[in-house]
Amino acid sequence: MLLVTQMWYPASKASEVGKTYFEAIKKFPDDKTISKPIVRTAIRATKDGFHNITVSIIKPGKVKEILDIAHGRLLMFGAIEGFKYETYVAFDLGEALPFVGLEAPPE
């Protein structure tokens, strides 16, 4: 399972978002027993500002714990005008194949 988080914000708020990010990871640090980052933060400029994405592998049985950390961090951005986010749990291919009656090929 993967935790995917996307964030959008105006370019004029980039400095404020950056400062809040460092405060958030200090207050809600990564926990290697819960997840493993795959993409810590990928950032791209858009016509509307910036778009960030993070992706982490969730350790078995740790969905609630990783969501608690993620939402704790994201709520810290709430006062930043124009900041939007989306977070969701996704299945990797091997986990999703049984939903359609298939098995993952042997590695």
PDB file of N, CA and C in Angstrom:
ATOM      1  N   MET A   1       0.843  -1.182   0.000  1.00  0.00           N
ATOM      2  CA  MET A   1       0.000   0.000   0.000  1.00  0.00           C
ATOM      3  C   MET A   1       0.883   1.237   0.000  1.00  0.00           C
ATOM      4  N   LEU A   2       0.341   2.258  -0.630  1.00  0.00           N
ATOM      5  CA  LEU A   2       1.074   3.512  -0.763  1.00  0.00           C
ATOM      6  C   LEU A   2       0.243   4.661  -0.207  1.00  0.00           C
ATOM      7  N   LEU A   3       0.913   5.607   0.409  1.00  0.00           N
ATOM      8  CA  LEU A   3       0.270   6.855   0.778  1.00  0.00           C
ATOM      9  C   LEU A   3       0.741   7.890  -0.223  1.00  0.00           C
ATOM     10  N   VAL A   4      -0.218   8.524  -0.900  1.00  0.00           N
ATOM     11  CA  VAL A   4       0.089   9.553  -1.893  1.00  0.00           C
ATOM     12  C   VAL A   4      -0.502  10.866  -1.379  1.00  0.00           C
ATOM     13  N   THR A   5       0.319  11.895  -1.343  1.00  0.00           N
ATOM     14  CA  THR A   5      -0.137  13.216  -0.926  1.00  0.00           C
ATOM     15  C   THR A   5       0.237  14.210  -2.006  1.00  0.00           C
ATOM     16  N   GLN A   6      -0.741  15.030  -2.392  1.00  0.00           N
ATOM     17  CA  GLN A   6      -0.495  16.090  -3.367  1.00  0.00           C
ATOM     18  C   GLN A   6      -0.875  17.418  -2.728  1.00  0.00           C
ATOM     19  N   MET A   7      -0.089  18.446  -3.030  1.00  0.00           N
ATOM     20  CA  MET A   7      -0.334  19.779  -2.495  1.00  0.00           C
ATOM     21  C   MET A   7      -0.225  20.794  -3.625  1.00  0.00           C
ATOM     22  N   TRP A   8      -1.102  21.793  -3.587  1.00  0.00           N
ATOM     23  CA  TRP A   8      -1.087  22.876  -4.557  1.00  0.00           C
ATOM     24  C   TRP A   8      -1.104  24.191  -3.792  1.00  0.00           C
ATOM     25  N   TYR A   9      -0.330  25.164  -4.261  1.00  0.00           N
ATOM     26  CA  TYR A   9      -0.316  26.472  -3.602  1.00  0.00           C
ATOM     27  C   TYR A   9       0.221  27.525  -4.560  1.00  0.00           C
ATOM     28  N   PRO A  10      -0.182  28.790  -4.322  1.00  0.00           N
ATOM     29  CA  PRO A  10       0.291  29.875  -5.190  1.00  0.00           C
ATOM     30  C   PRO A  10       1.789  30.107  -5.015  1.00  0.00           C
ATOM     31  N   ALA A  11       2.436  30.556  -6.076  1.00  0.00           N
ATOM     32  CA  ALA A  11       3.876  30.850  -6.024  1.00  0.00           C
ATOM     33  C   ALA A  11       4.184  31.894  -4.960  1.00  0.00           C
ATOM     34  N   SER A  12       3.275  32.809  -4.745  1.00  0.00           N
ATOM     35  CA  SER A  12       3.494  33.866  -3.748  1.00  0.00           C
ATOM     36  C   SER A  12       3.540  33.324  -2.322  1.00  0.00           C
ATOM     37  N   LYS A  13       3.121  32.083  -2.132  1.00  0.00           N
ATOM     38  CA  LYS A  13       3.109  31.464  -0.799  1.00  0.00           C
ATOM     39  C   LYS A  13       4.200  30.406  -0.632  1.00  0.00           C
ATOM     40  N   ALA A  14       5.087  30.276  -1.612  1.00  0.00           N
ATOM     41  CA  ALA A  14       6.106  29.212  -1.590  1.00  0.00           C
ATOM     42  C   ALA A  14       7.004  29.286  -0.355  1.00  0.00           C
ATOM     43  N   SER A  15       7.439  30.462   0.014  1.00  0.00           N
ATOM     44  CA  SER A  15       8.314  30.604   1.182  1.00  0.00           C
ATOM     45  C   SER A  15       7.590  30.180   2.458  1.00  0.00           C
ATOM     46  N   GLU A  16       6.336  30.600   2.593  1.00  0.00           N
ATOM     47  CA  GLU A  16       5.537  30.236   3.766  1.00  0.00           C
ATOM     48  C   GLU A  16       5.300  28.728   3.819  1.00  0.00           C
ATOM     49  N   VAL A  17       5.027  28.130   2.670  1.00  0.00           N
ATOM     50  CA  VAL A  17       4.841  26.675   2.606  1.00  0.00           C
ATOM     51  C   VAL A  17       6.133  25.969   2.995  1.00  0.00           C
ATOM     52  N   GLY A  18       7.261  26.446   2.489  1.00  0.00           N
ATOM     53  CA  GLY A  18       8.550  25.832   2.823  1.00  0.00           C
ATOM     54  C   GLY A  18       8.838  25.875   4.311  1.00  0.00           C
ATOM     55  N   LYS A  19       8.617  27.017   4.937  1.00  0.00           N
ATOM     56  CA  LYS A  19       8.843  27.145   6.386  1.00  0.00           C
ATOM     57  C   LYS A  19       7.905  26.227   7.160  1.00  0.00           C
ATOM     58  N   THR A  20       6.658  26.179   6.759  1.00  0.00           N
ATOM     59  CA  THR A  20       5.685  25.325   7.442  1.00  0.00           C
ATOM     60  C   THR A  20       6.044  23.855   7.273  1.00  0.00           C
ATOM     61  N   TYR A  21       6.555  23.490   6.094  1.00  0.00           N
ATOM     62  CA  TYR A  21       6.966  22.108   5.849  1.00  0.00           C
ATOM     63  C   TYR A  21       8.015  21.674   6.879  1.00  0.00           C
ATOM     64  N   PHE A  22       9.024  22.493   7.091  1.00  0.00           N
ATOM     65  CA  PHE A  22      10.074  22.129   8.039  1.00  0.00           C
ATOM     66  C   PHE A  22       9.552  22.072   9.472  1.00  0.00           C
ATOM     67  N   GLU A  23       8.622  22.945   9.814  1.00  0.00           N
ATOM     68  CA  GLU A  23       7.987  22.874  11.138  1.00  0.00           C
ATOM     69  C   GLU A  23       7.167  21.585  11.271  1.00  0.00           C
ATOM     70  N   ALA A  24       6.451  21.230  10.205  1.00  0.00           N
ATOM     71  CA  ALA A  24       5.584  20.047  10.234  1.00  0.00           C
ATOM     72  C   ALA A  24       6.380  18.754  10.375  1.00  0.00           C
ATOM     73  N   ILE A  25       7.502  18.636   9.646  1.00  0.00           N
ATOM     74  CA  ILE A  25       8.266  17.385   9.758  1.00  0.00           C
ATOM     75  C   ILE A  25       9.018  17.306  11.086  1.00  0.00           C
ATOM     76  N   LYS A  26       9.249  18.455  11.701  1.00  0.00           N
ATOM     77  CA  LYS A  26       9.851  18.445  13.035  1.00  0.00           C
ATOM     78  C   LYS A  26       8.816  17.990  14.072  1.00  0.00           C
ATOM     79  N   LYS A  27       7.592  18.501  13.951  1.00  0.00           N
ATOM     80  CA  LYS A  27       6.521  18.160  14.896  1.00  0.00           C
ATOM     81  C   LYS A  27       6.001  16.733  14.676  1.00  0.00           C
ATOM     82  N   PHE A  28       5.949  16.306  13.413  1.00  0.00           N
ATOM     83  CA  PHE A  28       5.455  14.971  13.048  1.00  0.00           C
ATOM     84  C   PHE A  28       6.527  14.274  12.209  1.00  0.00           C
ATOM     85  N   PRO A  29       7.595  13.793  12.845  1.00  0.00           N
ATOM     86  CA  PRO A  29       8.712  13.216  12.085  1.00  0.00           C
ATOM     87  C   PRO A  29       8.348  11.889  11.412  1.00  0.00           C
ATOM     88  N   ASP A  30       9.123  11.553  10.378  1.00  0.00           N
ATOM     89  CA  ASP A  30       8.974  10.248   9.738  1.00  0.00           C
ATOM     90  C   ASP A  30       9.230   9.162  10.772  1.00  0.00           C
ATOM     91  N   ASP A  31       8.529   8.063  10.640  1.00  0.00           N
ATOM     92  CA  ASP A  31       8.718   6.896  11.510  1.00  0.00           C
ATOM     93  C   ASP A  31       8.945   5.695  10.608  1.00  0.00           C
ATOM     94  N   LYS A  32      10.160   5.194  10.590  1.00  0.00           N
ATOM     95  CA  LYS A  32      10.517   4.090   9.689  1.00  0.00           C
ATOM     96  C   LYS A  32       9.801   2.789  10.014  1.00  0.00           C
ATOM     97  N   THR A  33       9.169   2.697  11.188  1.00  0.00           N
ATOM     98  CA  THR A  33       8.393   1.500  11.512  1.00  0.00           C
ATOM     99  C   THR A  33       6.995   1.560  10.904  1.00  0.00           C
ATOM    100  N   ILE A  34       6.627   2.743  10.379  1.00  0.00           N
ATOM    101  CA  ILE A  34       5.293   2.950   9.817  1.00  0.00           C
ATOM    102  C   ILE A  34       5.321   3.031   8.295  1.00  0.00           C
ATOM    103  N   SER A  35       6.324   3.727   7.756  1.00  0.00           N
ATOM    104  CA  SER A  35       6.363   3.912   6.299  1.00  0.00           C
ATOM    105  C   SER A  35       7.793   4.135   5.828  1.00  0.00           C
ATOM    106  N   LYS A  36       7.945   4.013   4.509  1.00  0.00           N
ATOM    107  CA  LYS A  36       9.235   4.267   3.864  1.00  0.00           C
ATOM    108  C   LYS A  36       8.993   5.203   2.688  1.00  0.00           C
ATOM    109  N   PRO A  37       9.565   6.403   2.720  1.00  0.00           N
ATOM    110  CA  PRO A  37       9.363   7.330   1.603  1.00  0.00           C
ATOM    111  C   PRO A  37       9.947   6.778   0.297  1.00  0.00           C
ATOM    112  N   ILE A  38       9.181   6.904  -0.771  1.00  0.00           N
ATOM    113  CA  ILE A  38       9.674   6.567  -2.109  1.00  0.00           C
ATOM    114  C   ILE A  38      10.044   7.875  -2.815  1.00  0.00           C
ATOM    115  N   VAL A  39       9.107   8.825  -2.776  1.00  0.00           N
ATOM    116  CA  VAL A  39       9.338  10.168  -3.308  1.00  0.00           C
ATOM    117  C   VAL A  39       9.085  11.111  -2.141  1.00  0.00           C
ATOM    118  N   ARG A  40      10.161  11.633  -1.542  1.00  0.00           N
ATOM    119  CA  ARG A  40       9.990  12.506  -0.373  1.00  0.00           C
ATOM    120  C   ARG A  40       9.211  13.749  -0.758  1.00  0.00           C
ATOM    121  N   THR A  41       9.616  14.445  -1.778  1.00  0.00           N
ATOM    122  CA  THR A  41       8.849  15.570  -2.314  1.00  0.00           C
ATOM    123  C   THR A  41       9.320  15.850  -3.729  1.00  0.00           C
ATOM    124  N   ALA A  42       8.401  15.775  -4.664  1.00  0.00           N
ATOM    125  CA  ALA A  42       8.662  16.179  -6.046  1.00  0.00           C
ATOM    126  C   ALA A  42       7.845  17.447  -6.266  1.00  0.00           C
ATOM    127  N   ILE A  43       8.490  18.476  -6.787  1.00  0.00           N
ATOM    128  CA  ILE A  43       7.845  19.778  -6.945  1.00  0.00           C
ATOM    129  C   ILE A  43       7.894  20.196  -8.412  1.00  0.00           C
ATOM    130  N   ARG A  44       6.776  20.721  -8.884  1.00  0.00           N
ATOM    131  CA  ARG A  44       6.771  21.266 -10.239  1.00  0.00           C
ATOM    132  C   ARG A  44       6.016  22.588 -10.241  1.00  0.00           C
ATOM    133  N   ALA A  45       6.455  23.470 -11.104  1.00  0.00           N
ATOM    134  CA  ALA A  45       5.776  24.750 -11.273  1.00  0.00           C
ATOM    135  C   ALA A  45       4.643  24.562 -12.278  1.00  0.00           C
ATOM    136  N   THR A  46       3.518  25.195 -12.005  1.00  0.00           N
ATOM    137  CA  THR A  46       2.376  25.171 -12.915  1.00  0.00           C
ATOM    138  C   THR A  46       1.946  26.613 -13.187  1.00  0.00           C
ATOM    139  N   LYS A  47       1.002  26.782 -14.072  1.00  0.00           N
ATOM    140  CA  LYS A  47       0.511  28.131 -14.361  1.00  0.00           C
ATOM    141  C   LYS A  47      -0.203  28.743 -13.162  1.00  0.00           C
ATOM    142  N   ASP A  48      -0.593  27.903 -12.208  1.00  0.00           N
ATOM    143  CA  ASP A  48      -1.313  28.382 -11.020  1.00  0.00           C
ATOM    144  C   ASP A  48      -0.440  28.461  -9.769  1.00  0.00           C
ATOM    145  N   GLY A  49       0.828  28.072  -9.865  1.00  0.00           N
ATOM    146  CA  GLY A  49       1.704  28.065  -8.694  1.00  0.00           C
ATOM    147  C   GLY A  49       2.557  26.815  -8.672  1.00  0.00           C
ATOM    148  N   PHE A  50       2.543  26.124  -7.538  1.00  0.00           N
ATOM    149  CA  PHE A  50       3.353  24.912  -7.398  1.00  0.00           C
ATOM    150  C   PHE A  50       2.477  23.720  -7.062  1.00  0.00           C
ATOM    151  N   HIS A  51       2.956  22.556  -7.481  1.00  0.00           N
ATOM    152  CA  HIS A  51       2.306  21.282  -7.210  1.00  0.00           C
ATOM    153  C   HIS A  51       3.382  20.360  -6.659  1.00  0.00           C
ATOM    154  N   ASN A  52       3.148  19.845  -5.447  1.00  0.00           N
ATOM    155  CA  ASN A  52       4.081  18.902  -4.814  1.00  0.00           C
ATOM    156  C   ASN A  52       3.411  17.537  -4.717  1.00  0.00           C
ATOM    157  N   ILE A  53       4.208  16.496  -4.761  1.00  0.00           N
ATOM    158  CA  ILE A  53       3.693  15.148  -4.547  1.00  0.00           C
ATOM    159  C   ILE A  53       4.686  14.365  -3.704  1.00  0.00           C
ATOM    160  N   THR A  54       4.154  13.589  -2.766  1.00  0.00           N
ATOM    161  CA  THR A  54       4.975  12.674  -1.980  1.00  0.00           C
ATOM    162  C   THR A  54       4.337  11.293  -2.059  1.00  0.00           C
ATOM    163  N   VAL A  55       5.175  10.263  -2.027  1.00  0.00           N
ATOM    164  CA  VAL A  55       4.697   8.884  -2.066  1.00  0.00           C
ATOM    165  C   VAL A  55       5.517   8.077  -1.072  1.00  0.00           C
ATOM    166  N   SER A  56       4.827   7.307  -0.234  1.00  0.00           N
ATOM    167  CA  SER A  56       5.493   6.446   0.738  1.00  0.00           C
ATOM    168  C   SER A  56       4.868   5.067   0.721  1.00  0.00           C
ATOM    169  N   ILE A  57       5.683   4.047   0.961  1.00  0.00           N
ATOM    170  CA  ILE A  57       5.183   2.688   1.154  1.00  0.00           C
ATOM    171  C   ILE A  57       4.712   2.585   2.594  1.00  0.00           C
ATOM    172  N   ILE A  58       3.508   2.074   2.788  1.00  0.00           N
ATOM    173  CA  ILE A  58       2.951   1.899   4.134  1.00  0.00           C
ATOM    174  C   ILE A  58       3.286   0.486   4.606  1.00  0.00           C
ATOM    175  N   LYS A  59       3.858   0.378   5.786  1.00  0.00           N
ATOM    176  CA  LYS A  59       4.164  -0.940   6.356  1.00  0.00           C
ATOM    177  C   LYS A  59       2.847  -1.640   6.704  1.00  0.00           C
ATOM    178  N   PRO A  60       2.828  -2.973   6.653  1.00  0.00           N
ATOM    179  CA  PRO A  60       1.590  -3.716   6.936  1.00  0.00           C
ATOM    180  C   PRO A  60       0.975  -3.332   8.288  1.00  0.00           C
ATOM    181  N   GLY A  61      -0.333  -3.085   8.261  1.00  0.00           N
ATOM    182  CA  GLY A  61      -1.065  -2.774   9.477  1.00  0.00           C
ATOM    183  C   GLY A  61      -0.861  -1.370  10.012  1.00  0.00           C
ATOM    184  N   LYS A  62      -0.259  -0.467   9.237  1.00  0.00           N
ATOM    185  CA  LYS A  62       0.091   0.868   9.730  1.00  0.00           C
ATOM    186  C   LYS A  62      -0.639   2.009   9.012  1.00  0.00           C
ATOM    187  N   VAL A  63      -1.766   1.711   8.378  1.00  0.00           N
ATOM    188  CA  VAL A  63      -2.483   2.748   7.628  1.00  0.00           C
ATOM    189  C   VAL A  63      -2.948   3.870   8.555  1.00  0.00           C
ATOM    190  N   LYS A  64      -3.594   3.545   9.662  1.00  0.00           N
ATOM    191  CA  LYS A  64      -4.081   4.579  10.575  1.00  0.00           C
ATOM    192  C   LYS A  64      -2.936   5.453  11.066  1.00  0.00           C
ATOM    193  N   GLU A  65      -1.826   4.833  11.435  1.00  0.00           N
ATOM    194  CA  GLU A  65      -0.690   5.590  11.971  1.00  0.00           C
ATOM    195  C   GLU A  65      -0.114   6.564  10.949  1.00  0.00           C
ATOM    196  N   ILE A  66       0.029   6.122   9.697  1.00  0.00           N
ATOM    197  CA  ILE A  66       0.606   7.019   8.688  1.00  0.00           C
ATOM    198  C   ILE A  66      -0.380   8.139   8.346  1.00  0.00           C
ATOM    199  N   LEU A  67      -1.674   7.833   8.344  1.00  0.00           N
ATOM    200  CA  LEU A  67      -2.659   8.882   8.085  1.00  0.00           C
ATOM    201  C   LEU A  67      -2.681   9.909   9.217  1.00  0.00           C
ATOM    202  N   ASP A  68      -2.498   9.464  10.448  1.00  0.00           N
ATOM    203  CA  ASP A  68      -2.420  10.405  11.577  1.00  0.00           C
ATOM    204  C   ASP A  68      -1.253  11.367  11.400  1.00  0.00           C
ATOM    205  N   ILE A  69      -0.094  10.856  11.009  1.00  0.00           N
ATOM    206  CA  ILE A  69       1.076  11.711  10.786  1.00  0.00           C
ATOM    207  C   ILE A  69       0.825  12.660   9.620  1.00  0.00           C
ATOM    208  N   ALA A  70       0.349  12.111   8.507  1.00  0.00           N
ATOM    209  CA  ALA A  70       0.129  12.931   7.309  1.00  0.00           C
ATOM    210  C   ALA A  70      -0.868  14.052   7.574  1.00  0.00           C
ATOM    211  N   HIS A  71      -1.988  13.731   8.190  1.00  0.00           N
ATOM    212  CA  HIS A  71      -2.998  14.757   8.431  1.00  0.00           C
ATOM    213  C   HIS A  71      -2.543  15.754   9.490  1.00  0.00           C
ATOM    214  N   GLY A  72      -1.779  15.297  10.483  1.00  0.00           N
ATOM    215  CA  GLY A  72      -1.213  16.232  11.447  1.00  0.00           C
ATOM    216  C   GLY A  72      -0.335  17.263  10.763  1.00  0.00           C
ATOM    217  N   ARG A  73       0.497  16.798   9.832  1.00  0.00           N
ATOM    218  CA  ARG A  73       1.348  17.722   9.076  1.00  0.00           C
ATOM    219  C   ARG A  73       0.517  18.669   8.221  1.00  0.00           C
ATOM    220  N   LEU A  74      -0.408  18.108   7.467  1.00  0.00           N
ATOM    221  CA  LEU A  74      -1.157  18.901   6.499  1.00  0.00           C
ATOM    222  C   LEU A  74      -2.042  19.956   7.156  1.00  0.00           C
ATOM    223  N   LEU A  75      -2.559  19.673   8.330  1.00  0.00           N
ATOM    224  CA  LEU A  75      -3.395  20.652   9.019  1.00  0.00           C
ATOM    225  C   LEU A  75      -2.592  21.889   9.417  1.00  0.00           C
ATOM    226  N   MET A  76      -1.290  21.750   9.528  1.00  0.00           N
ATOM    227  CA  MET A  76      -0.444  22.896   9.859  1.00  0.00           C
ATOM    228  C   MET A  76      -0.400  23.925   8.725  1.00  0.00           C
ATOM    229  N   PHE A  77      -0.748  23.511   7.517  1.00  0.00           N
ATOM    230  CA  PHE A  77      -0.750  24.411   6.358  1.00  0.00           C
ATOM    231  C   PHE A  77      -2.078  25.152   6.194  1.00  0.00           C
ATOM    232  N   GLY A  78      -3.049  24.854   7.044  1.00  0.00           N
ATOM    233  CA  GLY A  78      -4.414  25.345   6.884  1.00  0.00           C
ATOM    234  C   GLY A  78      -4.574  26.850   6.812  1.00  0.00           C
ATOM    235  N   ALA A  79      -3.703  27.591   7.452  1.00  0.00           N
ATOM    236  CA  ALA A  79      -3.836  29.053   7.460  1.00  0.00           C
ATOM    237  C   ALA A  79      -3.223  29.713   6.224  1.00  0.00           C
ATOM    238  N   ILE A  80      -2.583  28.932   5.379  1.00  0.00           N
ATOM    239  CA  ILE A  80      -1.929  29.497   4.191  1.00  0.00           C
ATOM    240  C   ILE A  80      -2.972  29.664   3.083  1.00  0.00           C
ATOM    241  N   GLU A  81      -3.213  30.894   2.701  1.00  0.00           N
ATOM    242  CA  GLU A  81      -4.219  31.204   1.688  1.00  0.00           C
ATOM    243  C   GLU A  81      -3.869  30.523   0.358  1.00  0.00           C
ATOM    244  N   GLY A  82      -4.851  29.831  -0.201  1.00  0.00           N
ATOM    245  CA  GLY A  82      -4.667  29.183  -1.495  1.00  0.00           C
ATOM    246  C   GLY A  82      -4.062  27.790  -1.425  1.00  0.00           C
ATOM    247  N   PHE A  83      -3.723  27.327  -0.228  1.00  0.00           N
ATOM    248  CA  PHE A  83      -3.135  25.993  -0.081  1.00  0.00           C
ATOM    249  C   PHE A  83      -4.237  24.943  -0.140  1.00  0.00           C
ATOM    250  N   LYS A  84      -4.025  23.937  -0.982  1.00  0.00           N
ATOM    251  CA  LYS A  84      -4.964  22.819  -1.113  1.00  0.00           C
ATOM    252  C   LYS A  84      -4.167  21.530  -1.064  1.00  0.00           C
ATOM    253  N   TYR A  85      -4.796  20.477  -0.589  1.00  0.00           N
ATOM    254  CA  TYR A  85      -4.113  19.185  -0.579  1.00  0.00           C
ATOM    255  C   TYR A  85      -5.095  18.045  -0.766  1.00  0.00           C
ATOM    256  N   GLU A  86      -4.526  16.914  -1.113  1.00  0.00           N
ATOM    257  CA  GLU A  86      -5.279  15.677  -1.272  1.00  0.00           C
ATOM    258  C   GLU A  86      -4.362  14.556  -0.811  1.00  0.00           C
ATOM    259  N   THR A  87      -4.881  13.653  -0.034  1.00  0.00           N
ATOM    260  CA  THR A  87      -4.097  12.504   0.396  1.00  0.00           C
ATOM    261  C   THR A  87      -4.961  11.258   0.281  1.00  0.00           C
ATOM    262  N   TYR A  88      -4.351  10.169  -0.153  1.00  0.00           N
ATOM    263  CA  TYR A  88      -5.108   8.934  -0.306  1.00  0.00           C
ATOM    264  C   TYR A  88      -4.181   7.726  -0.237  1.00  0.00           C
ATOM    265  N   VAL A  89      -4.790   6.591   0.057  1.00  0.00           N
ATOM    266  CA  VAL A  89      -4.077   5.317   0.084  1.00  0.00           C
ATOM    267  C   VAL A  89      -4.335   4.629  -1.249  1.00  0.00           C
ATOM    268  N   ALA A  90      -3.271   4.162  -1.870  1.00  0.00           N
ATOM    269  CA  ALA A  90      -3.378   3.455  -3.149  1.00  0.00           C
ATOM    270  C   ALA A  90      -2.728   2.082  -3.014  1.00  0.00           C
ATOM    271  N   PHE A  91      -3.171   1.151  -3.812  1.00  0.00           N
ATOM    272  CA  PHE A  91      -2.589  -0.185  -3.828  1.00  0.00           C
ATOM    273  C   PHE A  91      -1.541  -0.265  -4.917  1.00  0.00           C
ATOM    274  N   ASP A  92      -0.430  -0.936  -4.630  1.00  0.00           N
ATOM    275  CA  ASP A  92       0.535  -1.178  -5.703  1.00  0.00           C
ATOM    276  C   ASP A  92      -0.014  -2.306  -6.584  1.00  0.00           C
ATOM    277  N   LEU A  93       0.628  -2.551  -7.711  1.00  0.00           N
ATOM    278  CA  LEU A  93       0.107  -3.497  -8.697  1.00  0.00           C
ATOM    279  C   LEU A  93      -0.122  -4.885  -8.099  1.00  0.00           C
ATOM    280  N   GLY A  94       0.849  -5.387  -7.360  1.00  0.00           N
ATOM    281  CA  GLY A  94       0.719  -6.720  -6.768  1.00  0.00           C
ATOM    282  C   GLY A  94      -0.462  -6.834  -5.830  1.00  0.00           C
ATOM    283  N   GLU A  95      -0.741  -5.766  -5.093  1.00  0.00           N
ATOM    284  CA  GLU A  95      -1.875  -5.762  -4.166  1.00  0.00           C
ATOM    285  C   GLU A  95      -3.204  -5.615  -4.900  1.00  0.00           C
ATOM    286  N   ALA A  96      -3.206  -4.922  -6.028  1.00  0.00           N
ATOM    287  CA  ALA A  96      -4.447  -4.627  -6.740  1.00  0.00           C
ATOM    288  C   ALA A  96      -4.896  -5.752  -7.666  1.00  0.00           C
ATOM    289  N   LEU A  97      -3.983  -6.543  -8.183  1.00  0.00           N
ATOM    290  CA  LEU A  97      -4.356  -7.583  -9.147  1.00  0.00           C
ATOM    291  C   LEU A  97      -5.431  -8.545  -8.640  1.00  0.00           C
ATOM    292  N   PRO A  98      -5.389  -8.998  -7.377  1.00  0.00           N
ATOM    293  CA  PRO A  98      -6.446  -9.897  -6.923  1.00  0.00           C
ATOM    294  C   PRO A  98      -7.854  -9.300  -6.993  1.00  0.00           C
ATOM    295  N   PHE A  99      -7.969  -7.960  -6.984  1.00  0.00           N
ATOM    296  CA  PHE A  99      -9.274  -7.320  -7.082  1.00  0.00           C
ATOM    297  C   PHE A  99      -9.930  -7.606  -8.423  1.00  0.00           C
ATOM    298  N   VAL A 100      -9.119  -7.873  -9.435  1.00  0.00           N
ATOM    299  CA  VAL A 100      -9.655  -8.164 -10.765  1.00  0.00           C
ATOM    300  C   VAL A 100      -9.446  -9.641 -11.134  1.00  0.00           C
ATOM    301  N   GLY A 101      -9.208 -10.461 -10.124  1.00  0.00           N
ATOM    302  CA  GLY A 101      -9.104 -11.907 -10.335  1.00  0.00           C
ATOM    303  C   GLY A 101      -7.774 -12.371 -10.916  1.00  0.00           C
ATOM    304  N   LEU A 102      -6.725 -11.588 -10.799  1.00  0.00           N
ATOM    305  CA  LEU A 102      -5.424 -11.961 -11.326  1.00  0.00           C
ATOM    306  C   LEU A 102      -4.406 -12.113 -10.204  1.00  0.00           C
ATOM    307  N   GLU A 103      -3.327 -12.812 -10.508  1.00  0.00           N
ATOM    308  CA  GLU A 103      -2.227 -12.949  -9.571  1.00  0.00           C
ATOM    309  C   GLU A 103      -1.007 -12.235 -10.115  1.00  0.00           C
ATOM    310  N   ALA A 104      -0.195 -11.737  -9.208  1.00  0.00           N
ATOM    311  CA  ALA A 104       1.052 -11.085  -9.631  1.00  0.00           C
ATOM    312  C   ALA A 104       1.997 -12.137 -10.201  1.00  0.00           C
ATOM    313  N   PRO A 105       2.709 -11.812 -11.278  1.00  0.00           N
ATOM    314  CA  PRO A 105       3.671 -12.780 -11.822  1.00  0.00           C
ATOM    315  C   PRO A 105       4.809 -13.001 -10.833  1.00  0.00           C
ATOM    316  N   PRO A 106       5.424 -14.169 -10.874  1.00  0.00           N
ATOM    317  CA  PRO A 106       6.546 -14.420  -9.956  1.00  0.00           C
ATOM    318  C   PRO A 106       7.682 -13.456 -10.239  1.00  0.00           C
ATOM    319  N   GLU A 107       8.387 -13.089  -9.198  1.00  0.00           N
ATOM    320  CA  GLU A 107       9.491 -12.136  -9.349  1.00  0.00           C
ATOM    321  C   GLU A 107      10.730 -12.807  -9.864  1.00  0.00           C
TER     322      GLU A 107
END
